[in-house]
Amino acid sequence: MVDNNNHNSTDAVETDGGATTEAYLDEEINIFKPATPFMRDHLRVIWLSFFAWVVVVFGPTTAILFASDFMVETTVLGGFPLHFFLTAIVTPLGALLLSVAYATQRDRLDTKYGISHEADTDSSGAVATDGGDD
């Protein structure tokens, strides 16, 4: 199994002395009290992404409840009602942009905390014939 937690970056943030990877796997995960600074920052990204997703997905539907005349009578792009345009075009694009934003934020966190997802290469050149590690 490849260790994807290389902490060799010079830009790595100083930690609070949290648990090692092996000890961390035995700890209970609590989303309301993260154990490490990385988990705290990652959880912040997840919650902000979730709230943005709720607004993007349920916003047009909720707007129909509160401003139905405006949403139904306003037309865009050749006569489509505004609620249809928001639901059919803006909502899927918003979800796609949220996915890109999450991936970007996660990459920034990985860089900030010195986490690398590059596979370690073995310089010996030996290859296991059974497809496993040598």
N, C-alpha and C. Protein backbone atom coordinates (compact mmCIF):
# COMPACT_ATOMS: atom_id res chain seq x y z
N MET A 1 0.85 -1.17 0.00
CA MET A 1 0.00 0.00 0.00
C MET A 1 0.89 1.23 0.00
N VAL A 2 0.59 2.19 -0.84
CA VAL A 2 1.40 3.39 -0.98
C VAL A 2 0.99 4.40 0.08
N ASP A 3 1.97 5.02 0.75
CA ASP A 3 1.69 6.05 1.74
C ASP A 3 1.51 7.37 1.01
N ASN A 4 0.31 7.92 1.01
CA ASN A 4 0.01 9.16 0.31
C ASN A 4 0.13 10.38 1.20
N ASN A 5 0.75 10.28 2.32
CA ASN A 5 0.84 11.39 3.26
C ASN A 5 2.29 11.83 3.43
N ASN A 6 2.91 12.28 2.35
CA ASN A 6 4.27 12.77 2.43
C ASN A 6 4.25 14.17 3.02
N HIS A 7 5.01 14.41 4.04
CA HIS A 7 5.05 15.71 4.69
C HIS A 7 6.42 16.34 4.53
N ASN A 8 6.95 16.32 3.31
CA ASN A 8 8.29 16.82 3.06
C ASN A 8 8.29 18.24 2.51
N SER A 9 7.15 18.89 2.41
CA SER A 9 7.07 20.22 1.84
C SER A 9 7.63 21.25 2.81
N THR A 10 8.33 22.25 2.27
CA THR A 10 8.86 23.31 3.12
C THR A 10 7.78 24.30 3.50
N ASP A 11 6.67 24.31 2.78
CA ASP A 11 5.56 25.21 3.06
C ASP A 11 4.54 24.59 4.00
N ALA A 12 4.83 23.44 4.55
CA ALA A 12 3.87 22.74 5.41
C ALA A 12 3.59 23.56 6.66
N VAL A 13 2.34 23.55 7.08
CA VAL A 13 1.91 24.28 8.26
C VAL A 13 2.27 23.46 9.49
N GLU A 14 2.69 24.13 10.53
CA GLU A 14 3.02 23.47 11.79
C GLU A 14 1.73 22.94 12.41
N THR A 15 1.72 21.69 12.82
CA THR A 15 0.52 21.10 13.39
C THR A 15 0.48 21.29 14.89
N ASP A 16 -0.62 20.90 15.49
CA ASP A 16 -0.79 21.03 16.93
C ASP A 16 -0.34 19.76 17.67
N GLY A 17 0.43 18.92 17.01
CA GLY A 17 0.91 17.70 17.65
C GLY A 17 -0.14 16.62 17.70
N GLY A 18 -1.01 16.58 16.69
CA GLY A 18 -2.09 15.59 16.64
C GLY A 18 -1.58 14.18 16.56
N ALA A 19 -2.47 13.25 16.38
CA ALA A 19 -2.15 11.82 16.38
C ALA A 19 -1.41 11.44 15.11
N THR A 20 -0.56 10.43 15.20
CA THR A 20 0.09 9.91 14.01
C THR A 20 -0.96 9.20 13.16
N THR A 21 -0.60 8.89 11.92
CA THR A 21 -1.57 8.29 11.02
C THR A 21 -2.12 6.98 11.58
N GLU A 22 -1.23 6.15 12.11
CA GLU A 22 -1.68 4.87 12.64
C GLU A 22 -2.61 5.06 13.84
N ALA A 23 -2.25 5.97 14.75
CA ALA A 23 -3.08 6.21 15.93
C ALA A 23 -4.37 6.92 15.55
N TYR A 24 -4.29 7.74 14.52
CA TYR A 24 -5.47 8.49 14.09
C TYR A 24 -6.56 7.56 13.57
N LEU A 25 -6.15 6.47 12.93
CA LEU A 25 -7.14 5.54 12.39
C LEU A 25 -7.94 4.87 13.49
N ASP A 26 -7.40 4.81 14.69
CA ASP A 26 -8.11 4.21 15.81
C ASP A 26 -9.01 5.21 16.53
N GLU A 27 -8.85 6.50 16.26
CA GLU A 27 -9.63 7.53 16.93
C GLU A 27 -11.03 7.60 16.34
N GLU A 28 -11.99 7.99 17.17
CA GLU A 28 -13.35 8.20 16.71
C GLU A 28 -13.41 9.53 15.97
N ILE A 29 -14.08 9.56 14.83
CA ILE A 29 -14.20 10.77 14.04
C ILE A 29 -15.45 11.52 14.47
N ASN A 30 -15.29 12.77 14.84
CA ASN A 30 -16.39 13.61 15.27
C ASN A 30 -16.43 14.83 14.36
N ILE A 31 -17.49 14.98 13.57
CA ILE A 31 -17.55 16.09 12.61
C ILE A 31 -17.76 17.43 13.29
N PHE A 32 -18.12 17.44 14.56
CA PHE A 32 -18.32 18.69 15.26
C PHE A 32 -17.09 19.12 16.06
N LYS A 33 -16.13 18.21 16.23
CA LYS A 33 -14.88 18.53 16.93
C LYS A 33 -13.74 17.78 16.23
N PRO A 34 -13.24 18.34 15.12
CA PRO A 34 -12.19 17.68 14.36
C PRO A 34 -10.91 17.53 15.19
N ALA A 35 -10.19 16.43 14.96
CA ALA A 35 -9.01 16.11 15.75
C ALA A 35 -7.76 16.86 15.30
N THR A 36 -7.68 17.24 14.03
CA THR A 36 -6.47 17.89 13.52
C THR A 36 -6.84 19.18 12.79
N PRO A 37 -5.86 20.09 12.63
CA PRO A 37 -6.13 21.32 11.87
C PRO A 37 -6.55 21.04 10.43
N PHE A 38 -5.95 20.01 9.82
CA PHE A 38 -6.35 19.67 8.45
C PHE A 38 -7.82 19.27 8.41
N MET A 39 -8.24 18.43 9.36
CA MET A 39 -9.65 18.01 9.38
C MET A 39 -10.56 19.22 9.62
N ARG A 40 -10.15 20.15 10.47
CA ARG A 40 -10.95 21.34 10.74
C ARG A 40 -11.12 22.17 9.46
N ASP A 41 -10.02 22.40 8.75
CA ASP A 41 -10.10 23.18 7.52
C ASP A 41 -10.88 22.43 6.44
N HIS A 42 -10.66 21.13 6.34
CA HIS A 42 -11.38 20.34 5.34
C HIS A 42 -12.88 20.32 5.64
N LEU A 43 -13.22 20.21 6.91
CA LEU A 43 -14.63 20.22 7.30
C LEU A 43 -15.28 21.57 6.98
N ARG A 44 -14.54 22.65 7.14
CA ARG A 44 -15.05 23.98 6.79
C ARG A 44 -15.37 24.04 5.29
N VAL A 45 -14.49 23.50 4.46
CA VAL A 45 -14.72 23.46 3.02
C VAL A 45 -15.95 22.62 2.71
N ILE A 46 -16.09 21.48 3.36
CA ILE A 46 -17.24 20.60 3.11
C ILE A 46 -18.54 21.29 3.48
N TRP A 47 -18.61 21.91 4.68
CA TRP A 47 -19.85 22.56 5.10
C TRP A 47 -20.20 23.75 4.21
N LEU A 48 -19.22 24.56 3.83
CA LEU A 48 -19.50 25.68 2.93
C LEU A 48 -19.97 25.18 1.56
N SER A 49 -19.37 24.11 1.08
CA SER A 49 -19.81 23.52 -0.19
C SER A 49 -21.23 22.99 -0.08
N PHE A 50 -21.53 22.37 1.05
CA PHE A 50 -22.88 21.84 1.25
C PHE A 50 -23.92 22.95 1.25
N PHE A 51 -23.66 24.03 1.98
CA PHE A 51 -24.63 25.13 2.01
C PHE A 51 -24.77 25.79 0.64
N ALA A 52 -23.69 25.93 -0.09
CA ALA A 52 -23.78 26.48 -1.45
C ALA A 52 -24.59 25.54 -2.34
N TRP A 53 -24.40 24.23 -2.18
CA TRP A 53 -25.17 23.26 -2.96
C TRP A 53 -26.66 23.36 -2.65
N VAL A 54 -27.01 23.53 -1.39
CA VAL A 54 -28.42 23.67 -1.01
C VAL A 54 -29.03 24.89 -1.69
N VAL A 55 -28.31 26.00 -1.72
CA VAL A 55 -28.82 27.21 -2.36
C VAL A 55 -28.97 27.00 -3.87
N VAL A 56 -27.98 26.38 -4.49
CA VAL A 56 -28.03 26.17 -5.94
C VAL A 56 -29.15 25.21 -6.32
N VAL A 57 -29.31 24.13 -5.59
CA VAL A 57 -30.29 23.11 -5.96
C VAL A 57 -31.71 23.50 -5.56
N PHE A 58 -31.87 24.00 -4.35
CA PHE A 58 -33.22 24.29 -3.87
C PHE A 58 -33.63 25.75 -4.02
N GLY A 59 -32.72 26.61 -4.44
CA GLY A 59 -33.02 28.03 -4.61
C GLY A 59 -34.14 28.32 -5.61
N PRO A 60 -34.04 27.79 -6.84
CA PRO A 60 -35.11 28.06 -7.81
C PRO A 60 -36.48 27.52 -7.37
N THR A 61 -36.49 26.37 -6.75
CA THR A 61 -37.76 25.80 -6.29
C THR A 61 -38.36 26.64 -5.18
N THR A 62 -37.52 27.09 -4.27
CA THR A 62 -37.99 27.93 -3.18
C THR A 62 -38.44 29.29 -3.71
N ALA A 63 -37.75 29.81 -4.72
CA ALA A 63 -38.13 31.10 -5.30
C ALA A 63 -39.52 31.02 -5.94
N ILE A 64 -39.89 29.87 -6.47
CA ILE A 64 -41.23 29.72 -7.05
C ILE A 64 -42.29 29.85 -5.97
N LEU A 65 -42.00 29.36 -4.78
CA LEU A 65 -42.97 29.48 -3.68
C LEU A 65 -43.18 30.92 -3.25
N PHE A 66 -42.10 31.71 -3.21
CA PHE A 66 -42.20 33.08 -2.70
C PHE A 66 -42.47 34.12 -3.77
N ALA A 67 -42.08 33.88 -4.99
CA ALA A 67 -42.28 34.85 -6.07
C ALA A 67 -42.75 34.12 -7.32
N SER A 68 -43.89 33.44 -7.22
CA SER A 68 -44.34 32.60 -8.33
C SER A 68 -44.67 33.41 -9.58
N ASP A 69 -45.29 34.58 -9.42
CA ASP A 69 -45.61 35.38 -10.60
C ASP A 69 -44.34 35.80 -11.35
N PHE A 70 -43.36 36.26 -10.63
CA PHE A 70 -42.11 36.67 -11.25
C PHE A 70 -41.41 35.50 -11.93
N MET A 71 -41.35 34.36 -11.27
CA MET A 71 -40.63 33.20 -11.80
C MET A 71 -41.32 32.58 -13.02
N VAL A 72 -42.65 32.65 -13.06
CA VAL A 72 -43.40 32.03 -14.15
C VAL A 72 -43.57 32.99 -15.33
N GLU A 73 -43.81 34.26 -15.06
CA GLU A 73 -44.11 35.22 -16.13
C GLU A 73 -42.87 35.80 -16.79
N THR A 74 -41.75 35.80 -16.13
CA THR A 74 -40.51 36.32 -16.72
C THR A 74 -39.97 35.27 -17.69
N THR A 75 -39.65 35.72 -18.91
CA THR A 75 -39.14 34.79 -19.91
C THR A 75 -37.70 35.15 -20.28
N VAL A 76 -36.93 34.11 -20.57
CA VAL A 76 -35.54 34.29 -20.98
C VAL A 76 -35.25 33.36 -22.14
N LEU A 77 -34.26 33.69 -22.93
CA LEU A 77 -33.79 32.85 -24.03
C LEU A 77 -34.90 32.30 -24.92
N GLY A 78 -35.62 33.15 -25.54
CA GLY A 78 -36.62 32.72 -26.51
C GLY A 78 -37.94 32.26 -25.92
N GLY A 79 -38.29 32.75 -24.76
CA GLY A 79 -39.60 32.45 -24.23
C GLY A 79 -39.68 31.42 -23.12
N PHE A 80 -38.57 30.92 -22.67
CA PHE A 80 -38.61 29.96 -21.56
C PHE A 80 -38.89 30.71 -20.25
N PRO A 81 -39.74 30.16 -19.40
CA PRO A 81 -39.97 30.80 -18.10
C PRO A 81 -38.68 30.78 -17.27
N LEU A 82 -38.52 31.77 -16.42
CA LEU A 82 -37.31 31.92 -15.62
C LEU A 82 -37.07 30.69 -14.74
N HIS A 83 -38.13 30.14 -14.14
CA HIS A 83 -37.95 28.98 -13.26
C HIS A 83 -37.43 27.78 -14.03
N PHE A 84 -37.87 27.61 -15.27
CA PHE A 84 -37.37 26.50 -16.09
C PHE A 84 -35.89 26.70 -16.41
N PHE A 85 -35.53 27.93 -16.81
CA PHE A 85 -34.15 28.24 -17.13
C PHE A 85 -33.24 28.00 -15.92
N LEU A 86 -33.65 28.47 -14.74
CA LEU A 86 -32.83 28.29 -13.55
C LEU A 86 -32.70 26.81 -13.18
N THR A 87 -33.80 26.07 -13.30
CA THR A 87 -33.78 24.67 -12.91
C THR A 87 -33.05 23.80 -13.93
N ALA A 88 -33.24 24.06 -15.20
CA ALA A 88 -32.67 23.19 -16.24
C ALA A 88 -31.24 23.55 -16.63
N ILE A 89 -30.87 24.82 -16.51
CA ILE A 89 -29.55 25.25 -16.98
C ILE A 89 -28.63 25.64 -15.82
N VAL A 90 -29.10 26.53 -14.95
CA VAL A 90 -28.24 27.08 -13.91
C VAL A 90 -27.92 26.06 -12.82
N THR A 91 -28.90 25.24 -12.44
CA THR A 91 -28.66 24.27 -11.37
C THR A 91 -27.59 23.24 -11.74
N PRO A 92 -27.65 22.60 -12.91
CA PRO A 92 -26.56 21.66 -13.25
C PRO A 92 -25.21 22.35 -13.41
N LEU A 93 -25.19 23.55 -13.99
CA LEU A 93 -23.93 24.28 -14.11
C LEU A 93 -23.39 24.66 -12.74
N GLY A 94 -24.28 25.05 -11.84
CA GLY A 94 -23.87 25.38 -10.49
C GLY A 94 -23.27 24.19 -9.77
N ALA A 95 -23.87 23.02 -9.94
CA ALA A 95 -23.33 21.81 -9.33
C ALA A 95 -21.95 21.48 -9.89
N LEU A 96 -21.77 21.67 -11.19
CA LEU A 96 -20.47 21.43 -11.80
C LEU A 96 -19.42 22.40 -11.27
N LEU A 97 -19.79 23.68 -11.16
CA LEU A 97 -18.86 24.68 -10.63
C LEU A 97 -18.53 24.41 -9.16
N LEU A 98 -19.50 23.93 -8.40
CA LEU A 98 -19.23 23.58 -7.01
C LEU A 98 -18.25 22.42 -6.91
N SER A 99 -18.35 21.47 -7.83
CA SER A 99 -17.39 20.36 -7.86
C SER A 99 -15.98 20.85 -8.14
N VAL A 100 -15.86 21.75 -9.09
CA VAL A 100 -14.55 22.32 -9.42
C VAL A 100 -14.01 23.13 -8.24
N ALA A 101 -14.88 23.92 -7.60
CA ALA A 101 -14.46 24.72 -6.46
C ALA A 101 -14.01 23.84 -5.30
N TYR A 102 -14.71 22.73 -5.06
CA TYR A 102 -14.30 21.82 -3.99
C TYR A 102 -12.94 21.20 -4.29
N ALA A 103 -12.75 20.75 -5.52
CA ALA A 103 -11.47 20.14 -5.88
C ALA A 103 -10.32 21.15 -5.75
N THR A 104 -10.57 22.39 -6.13
CA THR A 104 -9.55 23.43 -6.01
C THR A 104 -9.22 23.70 -4.55
N GLN A 105 -10.25 23.82 -3.72
CA GLN A 105 -10.01 24.06 -2.29
C GLN A 105 -9.29 22.89 -1.64
N ARG A 106 -9.65 21.68 -2.03
CA ARG A 106 -8.99 20.50 -1.46
C ARG A 106 -7.52 20.46 -1.87
N ASP A 107 -7.22 20.82 -3.11
CA ASP A 107 -5.83 20.88 -3.55
C ASP A 107 -5.05 21.94 -2.76
N ARG A 108 -5.69 23.08 -2.48
CA ARG A 108 -5.03 24.11 -1.67
C ARG A 108 -4.74 23.61 -0.26
N LEU A 109 -5.69 22.89 0.31
CA LEU A 109 -5.46 22.32 1.65
C LEU A 109 -4.33 21.30 1.63
N ASP A 110 -4.30 20.46 0.61
CA ASP A 110 -3.24 19.47 0.50
C ASP A 110 -1.88 20.16 0.39
N THR A 111 -1.80 21.23 -0.37
CA THR A 111 -0.56 21.97 -0.50
C THR A 111 -0.20 22.64 0.82
N LYS A 112 -1.18 23.23 1.48
CA LYS A 112 -0.95 23.92 2.76
C LYS A 112 -0.39 22.98 3.81
N TYR A 113 -0.90 21.76 3.88
CA TYR A 113 -0.49 20.81 4.90
C TYR A 113 0.55 19.81 4.40
N GLY A 114 1.06 20.01 3.20
CA GLY A 114 2.14 19.17 2.70
C GLY A 114 1.73 17.75 2.38
N ILE A 115 0.50 17.54 1.96
CA ILE A 115 0.02 16.21 1.62
C ILE A 115 0.22 15.99 0.13
N SER A 116 0.86 14.88 -0.22
CA SER A 116 1.13 14.57 -1.61
C SER A 116 0.38 13.30 -2.00
N HIS A 117 -0.19 13.31 -3.17
CA HIS A 117 -0.91 12.14 -3.67
C HIS A 117 -0.15 11.46 -4.80
N GLU A 118 1.12 11.81 -4.94
CA GLU A 118 1.97 11.19 -5.94
C GLU A 118 2.42 9.84 -5.42
N ALA A 119 2.38 8.86 -6.28
CA ALA A 119 2.84 7.51 -5.90
C ALA A 119 4.35 7.51 -5.80
N ASP A 120 4.87 6.90 -4.74
CA ASP A 120 6.31 6.76 -4.60
C ASP A 120 6.79 5.74 -5.62
N THR A 121 7.83 6.10 -6.37
CA THR A 121 8.36 5.17 -7.38
C THR A 121 9.56 4.45 -6.81
N ASP A 122 9.64 3.19 -7.09
CA ASP A 122 10.76 2.37 -6.64
C ASP A 122 11.84 2.44 -7.70
N SER A 123 13.03 2.86 -7.32
CA SER A 123 14.11 3.04 -8.29
C SER A 123 14.78 1.72 -8.69
N SER A 124 14.43 0.61 -8.04
CA SER A 124 15.08 -0.65 -8.37
C SER A 124 14.62 -1.21 -9.71
N GLY A 125 13.46 -0.84 -10.17
CA GLY A 125 12.97 -1.31 -11.46
C GLY A 125 12.35 -2.70 -11.41
N ALA A 126 12.33 -3.32 -10.25
CA ALA A 126 11.77 -4.68 -10.14
C ALA A 126 10.24 -4.60 -10.24
N VAL A 127 9.69 -5.54 -10.97
CA VAL A 127 8.25 -5.60 -11.15
C VAL A 127 7.76 -6.94 -10.63
N ALA A 128 6.71 -6.91 -9.84
CA ALA A 128 6.14 -8.16 -9.34
C ALA A 128 5.35 -8.82 -10.47
N THR A 129 5.55 -10.09 -10.66
CA THR A 129 4.89 -10.79 -11.75
C THR A 129 3.44 -11.09 -11.46
N ASP A 130 3.05 -11.09 -10.19
CA ASP A 130 1.66 -11.38 -9.85
C ASP A 130 0.80 -10.13 -9.82
N GLY A 131 1.37 -8.97 -10.16
CA GLY A 131 0.60 -7.74 -10.19
C GLY A 131 0.59 -7.00 -8.86
N GLY A 132 1.17 -7.59 -7.84
CA GLY A 132 1.20 -6.94 -6.52
C GLY A 132 2.49 -6.18 -6.32
N ASP A 133 2.68 -5.69 -5.10
CA ASP A 133 3.92 -5.00 -4.77
C ASP A 133 5.06 -6.00 -4.72
N ASP A 134 6.32 -5.50 -5.02
CA ASP A 134 7.43 -6.43 -4.99
C ASP A 134 7.96 -6.63 -3.61
